[in-house]
Full PDB file with SEQRES, HELIX, SHEET, SSBOND, CRYST1, ORIGX, SCALE, CONECT and MASTER records, all heavy atoms in Angstrom:
SEQRES   1 A   37  GLN ALA ALA GLY GLN ARG PRO LYS SER LEU TYR ARG ILE          
SEQRES   2 A   37  PRO PHE GLY ILE GLY ALA HIS ALA SER ARG ALA THR VAL          
SEQRES   3 A   37  MET THR GLY SER ALA THR HIS ILE ALA ALA ARG                  
HELIX    1 AA1 GLY A   18  ARG A   23  5                                   6    
HELIX    2 AA2 ALA A   31  ALA A   36  1                                   6    
SHEET    1 AA1 2 TYR A  11  PHE A  15  0                                        
SHEET    2 AA1 2 THR A  25  GLY A  29 -1                                        
CRYST1    1.000    1.000    1.000  90.00  90.00  90.00 P 1           1          
ORIGX1      1.000000  0.000000  0.000000        0.00000                         
ORIGX2      0.000000  1.000000  0.000000        0.00000                         
ORIGX3      0.000000  0.000000  1.000000        0.00000                         
SCALE1      1.000000  0.000000  0.000000        0.00000                         
SCALE2      0.000000  1.000000  0.000000        0.00000                         
SCALE3      0.000000  0.000000  1.000000        0.00000                         
ATOM      1  N   GLN A   1      -2.487  -3.513 -54.472  1.00  0.00           N  
ATOM      2  CA  GLN A   1      -2.179  -2.350 -55.365  1.00  0.00           C  
ATOM      3  C   GLN A   1      -1.217  -2.737 -56.455  1.00  0.00           C  
ATOM      4  O   GLN A   1      -1.404  -2.252 -57.610  1.00  0.00           O  
ATOM      5  CB  GLN A   1      -1.506  -1.280 -54.473  1.00  0.00           C  
ATOM      6  CG  GLN A   1      -2.412  -0.637 -53.453  1.00  0.00           C  
ATOM      7  CD  GLN A   1      -1.734   0.408 -52.626  1.00  0.00           C  
ATOM      8  OE1 GLN A   1      -0.679   0.959 -53.005  1.00  0.00           O  
ATOM      9  NE2 GLN A   1      -2.208   0.615 -51.420  1.00  0.00           N  
ATOM     10  N   ALA A   2      -0.259  -3.676 -56.182  1.00  0.00           N  
ATOM     11  CA  ALA A   2       0.684  -4.115 -57.209  1.00  0.00           C  
ATOM     12  C   ALA A   2      -0.046  -4.917 -58.318  1.00  0.00           C  
ATOM     13  O   ALA A   2       0.420  -4.877 -59.405  1.00  0.00           O  
ATOM     14  CB  ALA A   2       1.822  -4.947 -56.531  1.00  0.00           C  
ATOM     15  N   ALA A   3      -1.083  -5.581 -57.910  1.00  0.00           N  
ATOM     16  CA  ALA A   3      -1.799  -6.419 -58.847  1.00  0.00           C  
ATOM     17  C   ALA A   3      -2.864  -5.545 -59.724  1.00  0.00           C  
ATOM     18  O   ALA A   3      -3.582  -6.045 -60.501  1.00  0.00           O  
ATOM     19  CB  ALA A   3      -2.603  -7.481 -58.064  1.00  0.00           C  
ATOM     20  N   GLY A   4      -2.803  -4.180 -59.441  1.00  0.00           N  
ATOM     21  CA  GLY A   4      -3.695  -3.363 -60.140  1.00  0.00           C  
ATOM     22  C   GLY A   4      -5.140  -3.325 -59.739  1.00  0.00           C  
ATOM     23  O   GLY A   4      -5.982  -2.881 -60.409  1.00  0.00           O  
ATOM     24  N   GLN A   5      -5.392  -3.872 -58.464  1.00  0.00           N  
ATOM     25  CA  GLN A   5      -6.726  -3.907 -57.987  1.00  0.00           C  
ATOM     26  C   GLN A   5      -7.097  -2.435 -57.509  1.00  0.00           C  
ATOM     27  O   GLN A   5      -6.311  -1.718 -56.955  1.00  0.00           O  
ATOM     28  CB  GLN A   5      -6.866  -4.824 -56.860  1.00  0.00           C  
ATOM     29  CG  GLN A   5      -6.715  -6.252 -57.316  1.00  0.00           C  
ATOM     30  CD  GLN A   5      -6.685  -7.262 -56.192  1.00  0.00           C  
ATOM     31  OE1 GLN A   5      -7.092  -6.900 -55.020  1.00  0.00           O  
ATOM     32  NE2 GLN A   5      -6.407  -8.501 -56.384  1.00  0.00           N  
ATOM     33  N   ARG A   6      -8.353  -2.117 -57.698  1.00  0.00           N  
ATOM     34  CA  ARG A   6      -8.847  -0.794 -57.199  1.00  0.00           C  
ATOM     35  C   ARG A   6      -8.883  -0.843 -55.694  1.00  0.00           C  
ATOM     36  O   ARG A   6      -9.302  -1.804 -55.070  1.00  0.00           O  
ATOM     37  CB  ARG A   6     -10.243  -0.516 -57.790  1.00  0.00           C  
ATOM     38  CG  ARG A   6     -10.282  -0.391 -59.301  1.00  0.00           C  
ATOM     39  CD  ARG A   6     -11.647  -0.150 -59.747  1.00  0.00           C  
ATOM     40  NE  ARG A   6     -12.204   1.095 -59.150  1.00  0.00           N  
ATOM     41  CZ  ARG A   6     -13.478   1.503 -59.335  1.00  0.00           C  
ATOM     42  NH1 ARG A   6     -14.270   0.703 -59.967  1.00  0.00           N  
ATOM     43  NH2 ARG A   6     -13.874   2.571 -58.757  1.00  0.00           N  
ATOM     44  N   PRO A   7      -8.545   0.297 -54.988  1.00  0.00           N  
ATOM     45  CA  PRO A   7      -8.621   0.345 -53.541  1.00  0.00           C  
ATOM     46  C   PRO A   7     -10.029   0.196 -53.098  1.00  0.00           C  
ATOM     47  O   PRO A   7     -10.960   0.688 -53.790  1.00  0.00           O  
ATOM     48  CB  PRO A   7      -8.009   1.678 -53.185  1.00  0.00           C  
ATOM     49  CG  PRO A   7      -8.181   2.559 -54.418  1.00  0.00           C  
ATOM     50  CD  PRO A   7      -8.029   1.583 -55.637  1.00  0.00           C  
ATOM     51  N   LYS A   8     -10.259  -0.415 -51.922  1.00  0.00           N  
ATOM     52  CA  LYS A   8     -11.572  -0.596 -51.461  1.00  0.00           C  
ATOM     53  C   LYS A   8     -12.158   0.722 -51.040  1.00  0.00           C  
ATOM     54  O   LYS A   8     -11.453   1.664 -50.690  1.00  0.00           O  
ATOM     55  CB  LYS A   8     -11.601  -1.566 -50.226  1.00  0.00           C  
ATOM     56  CG  LYS A   8     -11.214  -2.969 -50.660  1.00  0.00           C  
ATOM     57  CD  LYS A   8     -11.391  -3.886 -49.474  1.00  0.00           C  
ATOM     58  CE  LYS A   8     -11.108  -5.323 -49.837  1.00  0.00           C  
ATOM     59  NZ  LYS A   8     -12.038  -5.832 -50.863  1.00  0.00           N  
ATOM     60  N   SER A   9     -13.522   0.800 -51.168  1.00  0.00           N  
ATOM     61  CA  SER A   9     -14.229   2.035 -50.749  1.00  0.00           C  
ATOM     62  C   SER A   9     -14.043   2.358 -49.222  1.00  0.00           C  
ATOM     63  O   SER A   9     -13.647   1.477 -48.506  1.00  0.00           O  
ATOM     64  CB  SER A   9     -15.673   1.932 -51.151  1.00  0.00           C  
ATOM     65  OG  SER A   9     -15.836   1.657 -52.454  1.00  0.00           O  
ATOM     66  N   LEU A  10     -14.315   3.586 -48.877  1.00  0.00           N  
ATOM     67  CA  LEU A  10     -14.269   3.896 -47.502  1.00  0.00           C  
ATOM     68  C   LEU A  10     -15.651   3.484 -46.860  1.00  0.00           C  
ATOM     69  O   LEU A  10     -16.686   3.559 -47.518  1.00  0.00           O  
ATOM     70  CB  LEU A  10     -14.081   5.394 -47.337  1.00  0.00           C  
ATOM     71  CG  LEU A  10     -12.722   5.948 -47.760  1.00  0.00           C  
ATOM     72  CD1 LEU A  10     -12.668   7.468 -47.515  1.00  0.00           C  
ATOM     73  CD2 LEU A  10     -11.620   5.180 -47.050  1.00  0.00           C  
ATOM     74  N   TYR A  11     -15.523   3.015 -45.632  1.00  0.00           N  
ATOM     75  CA  TYR A  11     -16.753   2.555 -44.994  1.00  0.00           C  
ATOM     76  C   TYR A  11     -16.975   3.216 -43.633  1.00  0.00           C  
ATOM     77  O   TYR A  11     -15.996   3.610 -43.010  1.00  0.00           O  
ATOM     78  CB  TYR A  11     -16.636   1.014 -44.646  1.00  0.00           C  
ATOM     79  CG  TYR A  11     -16.397   0.190 -45.909  1.00  0.00           C  
ATOM     80  CD1 TYR A  11     -15.129  -0.365 -46.089  1.00  0.00           C  
ATOM     81  CD2 TYR A  11     -17.415  -0.038 -46.863  1.00  0.00           C  
ATOM     82  CE1 TYR A  11     -14.946  -1.120 -47.229  1.00  0.00           C  
ATOM     83  CE2 TYR A  11     -17.168  -0.727 -47.986  1.00  0.00           C  
ATOM     84  CZ  TYR A  11     -15.907  -1.315 -48.143  1.00  0.00           C  
ATOM     85  OH  TYR A  11     -15.651  -2.067 -49.309  1.00  0.00           O  
ATOM     86  N   ARG A  12     -18.255   3.393 -43.242  1.00  0.00           N  
ATOM     87  CA  ARG A  12     -18.499   3.878 -41.926  1.00  0.00           C  
ATOM     88  C   ARG A  12     -19.206   2.705 -41.215  1.00  0.00           C  
ATOM     89  O   ARG A  12     -20.370   2.412 -41.513  1.00  0.00           O  
ATOM     90  CB  ARG A  12     -19.409   5.132 -42.009  1.00  0.00           C  
ATOM     91  CG  ARG A  12     -18.675   6.324 -42.511  1.00  0.00           C  
ATOM     92  CD  ARG A  12     -19.587   7.497 -42.692  1.00  0.00           C  
ATOM     93  NE  ARG A  12     -20.251   7.871 -41.419  1.00  0.00           N  
ATOM     94  CZ  ARG A  12     -19.736   8.597 -40.497  1.00  0.00           C  
ATOM     95  NH1 ARG A  12     -18.503   9.020 -40.538  1.00  0.00           N  
ATOM     96  NH2 ARG A  12     -20.413   8.833 -39.376  1.00  0.00           N  
ATOM     97  N   ILE A  13     -18.541   2.164 -40.187  1.00  0.00           N  
ATOM     98  CA  ILE A  13     -19.115   0.985 -39.461  1.00  0.00           C  
ATOM     99  C   ILE A  13     -19.323   1.337 -38.042  1.00  0.00           C  
ATOM    100  O   ILE A  13     -18.384   1.684 -37.323  1.00  0.00           O  
ATOM    101  CB  ILE A  13     -18.196  -0.200 -39.634  1.00  0.00           C  
ATOM    102  CG1 ILE A  13     -17.890  -0.520 -41.074  1.00  0.00           C  
ATOM    103  CG2 ILE A  13     -18.787  -1.386 -38.926  1.00  0.00           C  
ATOM    104  CD1 ILE A  13     -17.032  -1.641 -41.364  1.00  0.00           C  
ATOM    105  N   PRO A  14     -20.547   1.231 -37.503  1.00  0.00           N  
ATOM    106  CA  PRO A  14     -20.801   1.622 -36.089  1.00  0.00           C  
ATOM    107  C   PRO A  14     -20.355   0.402 -35.232  1.00  0.00           C  
ATOM    108  O   PRO A  14     -20.669  -0.759 -35.505  1.00  0.00           O  
ATOM    109  CB  PRO A  14     -22.268   1.777 -36.015  1.00  0.00           C  
ATOM    110  CG  PRO A  14     -22.819   0.949 -37.124  1.00  0.00           C  
ATOM    111  CD  PRO A  14     -21.796   1.001 -38.277  1.00  0.00           C  
ATOM    112  N   PHE A  15     -19.673   0.738 -34.118  1.00  0.00           N  
ATOM    113  CA  PHE A  15     -19.270  -0.316 -33.157  1.00  0.00           C  
ATOM    114  C   PHE A  15     -19.913   0.066 -31.874  1.00  0.00           C  
ATOM    115  O   PHE A  15     -20.120   1.206 -31.533  1.00  0.00           O  
ATOM    116  CB  PHE A  15     -17.755  -0.411 -33.025  1.00  0.00           C  
ATOM    117  CG  PHE A  15     -17.083  -1.100 -34.119  1.00  0.00           C  
ATOM    118  CD1 PHE A  15     -16.853  -0.609 -35.371  1.00  0.00           C  
ATOM    119  CD2 PHE A  15     -16.642  -2.418 -33.937  1.00  0.00           C  
ATOM    120  CE1 PHE A  15     -16.318  -1.303 -36.428  1.00  0.00           C  
ATOM    121  CE2 PHE A  15     -15.988  -3.125 -34.956  1.00  0.00           C  
ATOM    122  CZ  PHE A  15     -15.846  -2.580 -36.169  1.00  0.00           C  
ATOM    123  N   GLY A  16     -19.977  -0.946 -31.028  1.00  0.00           N  
ATOM    124  CA  GLY A  16     -20.581  -0.684 -29.662  1.00  0.00           C  
ATOM    125  C   GLY A  16     -21.832  -1.506 -29.387  1.00  0.00           C  
ATOM    126  O   GLY A  16     -22.908  -1.137 -29.697  1.00  0.00           O  
ATOM    127  N   ILE A  17     -21.613  -2.773 -28.964  1.00  0.00           N  
ATOM    128  CA  ILE A  17     -22.765  -3.767 -28.780  1.00  0.00           C  
ATOM    129  C   ILE A  17     -22.651  -4.337 -27.372  1.00  0.00           C  
ATOM    130  O   ILE A  17     -21.585  -4.600 -26.858  1.00  0.00           O  
ATOM    131  CB  ILE A  17     -22.651  -4.865 -29.816  1.00  0.00           C  
ATOM    132  CG1 ILE A  17     -22.731  -4.356 -31.251  1.00  0.00           C  
ATOM    133  CG2 ILE A  17     -23.700  -5.821 -29.612  1.00  0.00           C  
ATOM    134  CD1 ILE A  17     -22.585  -5.308 -32.306  1.00  0.00           C  
ATOM    135  N   GLY A  18     -23.822  -4.475 -26.801  1.00  0.00           N  
ATOM    136  CA  GLY A  18     -23.874  -5.196 -25.501  1.00  0.00           C  
ATOM    137  C   GLY A  18     -22.979  -4.538 -24.461  1.00  0.00           C  
ATOM    138  O   GLY A  18     -23.181  -3.427 -24.138  1.00  0.00           O  
ATOM    139  N   ALA A  19     -22.064  -5.374 -23.875  1.00  0.00           N  
ATOM    140  CA  ALA A  19     -21.230  -4.857 -22.800  1.00  0.00           C  
ATOM    141  C   ALA A  19     -20.376  -3.678 -23.162  1.00  0.00           C  
ATOM    142  O   ALA A  19     -19.923  -2.892 -22.411  1.00  0.00           O  
ATOM    143  CB  ALA A  19     -20.403  -6.051 -22.259  1.00  0.00           C  
ATOM    144  N   HIS A  20     -20.179  -3.557 -24.525  1.00  0.00           N  
ATOM    145  CA  HIS A  20     -19.321  -2.491 -25.028  1.00  0.00           C  
ATOM    146  C   HIS A  20     -20.104  -1.303 -25.572  1.00  0.00           C  
ATOM    147  O   HIS A  20     -19.515  -0.527 -26.330  1.00  0.00           O  
ATOM    148  CB  HIS A  20     -18.340  -3.082 -26.013  1.00  0.00           C  
ATOM    149  CG  HIS A  20     -17.500  -4.213 -25.549  1.00  0.00           C  
ATOM    150  ND1 HIS A  20     -16.629  -4.077 -24.582  1.00  0.00           N  
ATOM    151  CD2 HIS A  20     -17.491  -5.515 -25.938  1.00  0.00           C  
ATOM    152  CE1 HIS A  20     -16.017  -5.263 -24.310  1.00  0.00           C  
ATOM    153  NE2 HIS A  20     -16.541  -6.114 -25.139  1.00  0.00           N  
ATOM    154  N   ALA A  21     -21.381  -1.254 -25.276  1.00  0.00           N  
ATOM    155  CA  ALA A  21     -22.169  -0.273 -25.938  1.00  0.00           C  
ATOM    156  C   ALA A  21     -21.658   1.139 -25.464  1.00  0.00           C  
ATOM    157  O   ALA A  21     -21.778   2.056 -26.281  1.00  0.00           O  
ATOM    158  CB  ALA A  21     -23.661  -0.388 -25.393  1.00  0.00           C  
ATOM    159  N   SER A  22     -21.057   1.242 -24.254  1.00  0.00           N  
ATOM    160  CA  SER A  22     -20.633   2.563 -23.853  1.00  0.00           C  
ATOM    161  C   SER A  22     -19.458   2.988 -24.620  1.00  0.00           C  
ATOM    162  O   SER A  22     -19.052   4.180 -24.566  1.00  0.00           O  
ATOM    163  CB  SER A  22     -20.244   2.506 -22.363  1.00  0.00           C  
ATOM    164  OG  SER A  22     -19.158   1.596 -22.141  1.00  0.00           O  
ATOM    165  N   ARG A  23     -18.834   2.112 -25.405  1.00  0.00           N  
ATOM    166  CA  ARG A  23     -17.676   2.425 -26.190  1.00  0.00           C  
ATOM    167  C   ARG A  23     -18.110   2.643 -27.672  1.00  0.00           C  
ATOM    168  O   ARG A  23     -17.237   2.644 -28.545  1.00  0.00           O  
ATOM    169  CB  ARG A  23     -16.660   1.319 -26.107  1.00  0.00           C  
ATOM    170  CG  ARG A  23     -16.159   1.023 -24.749  1.00  0.00           C  
ATOM    171  CD  ARG A  23     -14.933   0.103 -24.817  1.00  0.00           C  
ATOM    172  NE  ARG A  23     -13.897   0.641 -25.622  1.00  0.00           N  
ATOM    173  CZ  ARG A  23     -12.799  -0.027 -25.961  1.00  0.00           C  
ATOM    174  NH1 ARG A  23     -12.602  -1.266 -25.500  1.00  0.00           N  
ATOM    175  NH2 ARG A  23     -11.886   0.520 -26.661  1.00  0.00           N  
ATOM    176  N   ALA A  24     -19.366   2.864 -27.925  1.00  0.00           N  
ATOM    177  CA  ALA A  24     -19.888   2.976 -29.233  1.00  0.00           C  
ATOM    178  C   ALA A  24     -19.080   4.066 -29.995  1.00  0.00           C  
ATOM    179  O   ALA A  24     -18.867   5.150 -29.462  1.00  0.00           O  
ATOM    180  CB  ALA A  24     -21.338   3.273 -29.250  1.00  0.00           C  
ATOM    181  N   THR A  25     -18.696   3.773 -31.203  1.00  0.00           N  
ATOM    182  CA  THR A  25     -18.032   4.728 -32.079  1.00  0.00           C  
ATOM    183  C   THR A  25     -18.335   4.377 -33.418  1.00  0.00           C  
ATOM    184  O   THR A  25     -18.849   3.335 -33.750  1.00  0.00           O  
ATOM    185  CB  THR A  25     -16.480   4.662 -31.733  1.00  0.00           C  
ATOM    186  OG1 THR A  25     -15.807   5.690 -32.552  1.00  0.00           O  
ATOM    187  CG2 THR A  25     -15.914   3.290 -32.133  1.00  0.00           C  
ATOM    188  N   VAL A  26     -17.960   5.226 -34.358  1.00  0.00           N  
ATOM    189  CA  VAL A  26     -18.075   4.931 -35.796  1.00  0.00           C  
ATOM    190  C   VAL A  26     -16.705   4.937 -36.395  1.00  0.00           C  
ATOM    191  O   VAL A  26     -15.911   5.921 -36.284  1.00  0.00           O  
ATOM    192  CB  VAL A  26     -18.950   6.040 -36.482  1.00  0.00           C  
ATOM    193  CG1 VAL A  26     -18.929   5.766 -38.018  1.00  0.00           C  
ATOM    194  CG2 VAL A  26     -20.334   5.973 -35.941  1.00  0.00           C  
ATOM    195  N   MET A  27     -16.338   3.765 -36.952  1.00  0.00           N  
ATOM    196  CA  MET A  27     -15.003   3.703 -37.598  1.00  0.00           C  
ATOM    197  C   MET A  27     -15.153   3.937 -39.088  1.00  0.00           C  
ATOM    198  O   MET A  27     -15.939   3.365 -39.734  1.00  0.00           O  
ATOM    199  CB  MET A  27     -14.421   2.278 -37.307  1.00  0.00           C  
ATOM    200  CG  MET A  27     -14.189   1.977 -35.907  1.00  0.00           C  
ATOM    201  SD  MET A  27     -13.609   0.280 -35.626  1.00  0.00           S  
ATOM    202  CE  MET A  27     -12.171   0.218 -36.631  1.00  0.00           C  
ATOM    203  N   THR A  28     -14.337   4.827 -39.502  1.00  0.00           N  
ATOM    204  CA  THR A  28     -14.326   5.193 -40.998  1.00  0.00           C  
ATOM    205  C   THR A  28     -12.987   4.811 -41.599  1.00  0.00           C  
ATOM    206  O   THR A  28     -11.926   5.048 -41.004  1.00  0.00           O  
ATOM    207  CB  THR A  28     -14.558   6.720 -41.116  1.00  0.00           C  
ATOM    208  OG1 THR A  28     -15.778   7.050 -40.500  1.00  0.00           O  
ATOM    209  CG2 THR A  28     -14.630   7.072 -42.585  1.00  0.00           C  
ATOM    210  N   GLY A  29     -12.999   4.266 -42.766  1.00  0.00           N  
ATOM    211  CA  GLY A  29     -11.754   3.876 -43.494  1.00  0.00           C  
ATOM    212  C   GLY A  29     -11.980   2.729 -44.340  1.00  0.00           C  
ATOM    213  O   GLY A  29     -13.101   2.209 -44.543  1.00  0.00           O  
ATOM    214  N   SER A  30     -10.911   2.234 -44.982  1.00  0.00           N  
ATOM    215  CA  SER A  30     -11.023   1.079 -45.768  1.00  0.00           C  
ATOM    216  C   SER A  30     -11.136  -0.156 -44.837  1.00  0.00           C  
ATOM    217  O   SER A  30     -10.881  -0.141 -43.689  1.00  0.00           O  
ATOM    218  CB  SER A  30      -9.715   0.945 -46.633  1.00  0.00           C  
ATOM    219  OG  SER A  30      -8.615   0.564 -45.789  1.00  0.00           O  
ATOM    220  N   ALA A  31     -11.541  -1.345 -45.519  1.00  0.00           N  
ATOM    221  CA  ALA A  31     -11.729  -2.548 -44.800  1.00  0.00           C  
ATOM    222  C   ALA A  31     -10.352  -2.890 -44.155  1.00  0.00           C  
ATOM    223  O   ALA A  31     -10.303  -3.401 -43.029  1.00  0.00           O  
ATOM    224  CB  ALA A  31     -12.118  -3.633 -45.706  1.00  0.00           C  
ATOM    225  N   THR A  32      -9.201  -2.645 -44.797  1.00  0.00           N  
ATOM    226  CA  THR A  32      -7.960  -3.012 -44.312  1.00  0.00           C  
ATOM    227  C   THR A  32      -7.571  -2.172 -43.094  1.00  0.00           C  
ATOM    228  O   THR A  32      -7.071  -2.599 -42.085  1.00  0.00           O  
ATOM    229  CB  THR A  32      -6.840  -2.795 -45.386  1.00  0.00           C  
ATOM    230  OG1 THR A  32      -7.082  -3.652 -46.474  1.00  0.00           O  
ATOM    231  CG2 THR A  32      -5.479  -3.066 -44.861  1.00  0.00           C  
ATOM    232  N   HIS A  33      -7.923  -0.876 -43.076  1.00  0.00           N  
ATOM    233  CA  HIS A  33      -7.706   0.021 -41.967  1.00  0.00           C  
ATOM    234  C   HIS A  33      -8.477  -0.430 -40.774  1.00  0.00           C  
ATOM    235  O   HIS A  33      -8.056  -0.433 -39.596  1.00  0.00           O  
ATOM    236  CB  HIS A  33      -7.911   1.465 -42.340  1.00  0.00           C  
ATOM    237  CG  HIS A  33      -6.905   1.980 -43.292  1.00  0.00           C  
ATOM    238  ND1 HIS A  33      -7.210   3.039 -44.174  1.00  0.00           N  
ATOM    239  CD2 HIS A  33      -5.650   1.630 -43.569  1.00  0.00           C  
ATOM    240  CE1 HIS A  33      -6.123   3.350 -44.888  1.00  0.00           C  
ATOM    241  NE2 HIS A  33      -5.170   2.453 -44.593  1.00  0.00           N  
ATOM    242  N   ILE A  34      -9.767  -0.793 -41.029  1.00  0.00           N  
ATOM    243  CA  ILE A  34     -10.698  -1.228 -39.967  1.00  0.00           C  
ATOM    244  C   ILE A  34     -10.147  -2.514 -39.366  1.00  0.00           C  
ATOM    245  O   ILE A  34     -10.159  -2.663 -38.123  1.00  0.00           O  
ATOM    246  CB  ILE A  34     -12.028  -1.321 -40.513  1.00  0.00           C  
ATOM    247  CG1 ILE A  34     -12.666   0.023 -40.839  1.00  0.00           C  
ATOM    248  CG2 ILE A  34     -13.011  -2.020 -39.388  1.00  0.00           C  
ATOM    249  CD1 ILE A  34     -13.922   0.023 -41.594  1.00  0.00           C  
ATOM    250  N   ALA A  35      -9.660  -3.374 -40.203  1.00  0.00           N  
ATOM    251  CA  ALA A  35      -9.171  -4.658 -39.736  1.00  0.00           C  
ATOM    252  C   ALA A  35      -7.871  -4.430 -38.848  1.00  0.00           C  
ATOM    253  O   ALA A  35      -7.752  -5.101 -37.790  1.00  0.00           O  
ATOM    254  CB  ALA A  35      -8.789  -5.565 -40.920  1.00  0.00           C  
ATOM    255  N   ALA A  36      -7.086  -3.490 -39.191  1.00  0.00           N  
ATOM    256  CA  ALA A  36      -5.823  -3.206 -38.376  1.00  0.00           C  
ATOM    257  C   ALA A  36      -6.284  -2.654 -37.037  1.00  0.00           C  
ATOM    258  O   ALA A  36      -5.688  -2.975 -35.957  1.00  0.00           O  
ATOM    259  CB  ALA A  36      -5.027  -2.177 -39.063  1.00  0.00           C  
ATOM    260  N   ARG A  37      -7.363  -1.936 -36.916  1.00  0.00           N  
ATOM    261  CA  ARG A  37      -7.836  -1.365 -35.633  1.00  0.00           C  
ATOM    262  C   ARG A  37      -8.385  -2.549 -34.763  1.00  0.00           C  
ATOM    263  O   ARG A  37      -8.122  -2.586 -33.604  1.00  0.00           O  
ATOM    264  CB  ARG A  37      -9.016  -0.382 -35.891  1.00  0.00           C  
ATOM    265  CG  ARG A  37      -9.820   0.013 -34.688  1.00  0.00           C  
ATOM    266  CD  ARG A  37      -9.061   0.989 -33.808  1.00  0.00           C  
ATOM    267  NE  ARG A  37      -9.837   1.340 -32.629  1.00  0.00           N  
ATOM    268  CZ  ARG A  37     -10.734   2.230 -32.539  1.00  0.00           C  
ATOM    269  NH1 ARG A  37     -11.097   2.948 -33.557  1.00  0.00           N  
ATOM    270  NH2 ARG A  37     -11.369   2.431 -31.367  1.00  0.00           N  
TER     271      ARG A  37                                                      
MASTER        0    0    0    2    2    0    0    6  270    1    0    3          
END                                                                             
């Protein structure tokens, strides 16, 4: 933000593969917020 870069778009990324399929969810937010999760 300080460098004047535009914030990243919001994303909807589905999670839940293989052994974790029962935990399938859709994570919405910026790439940074998803990374923090």
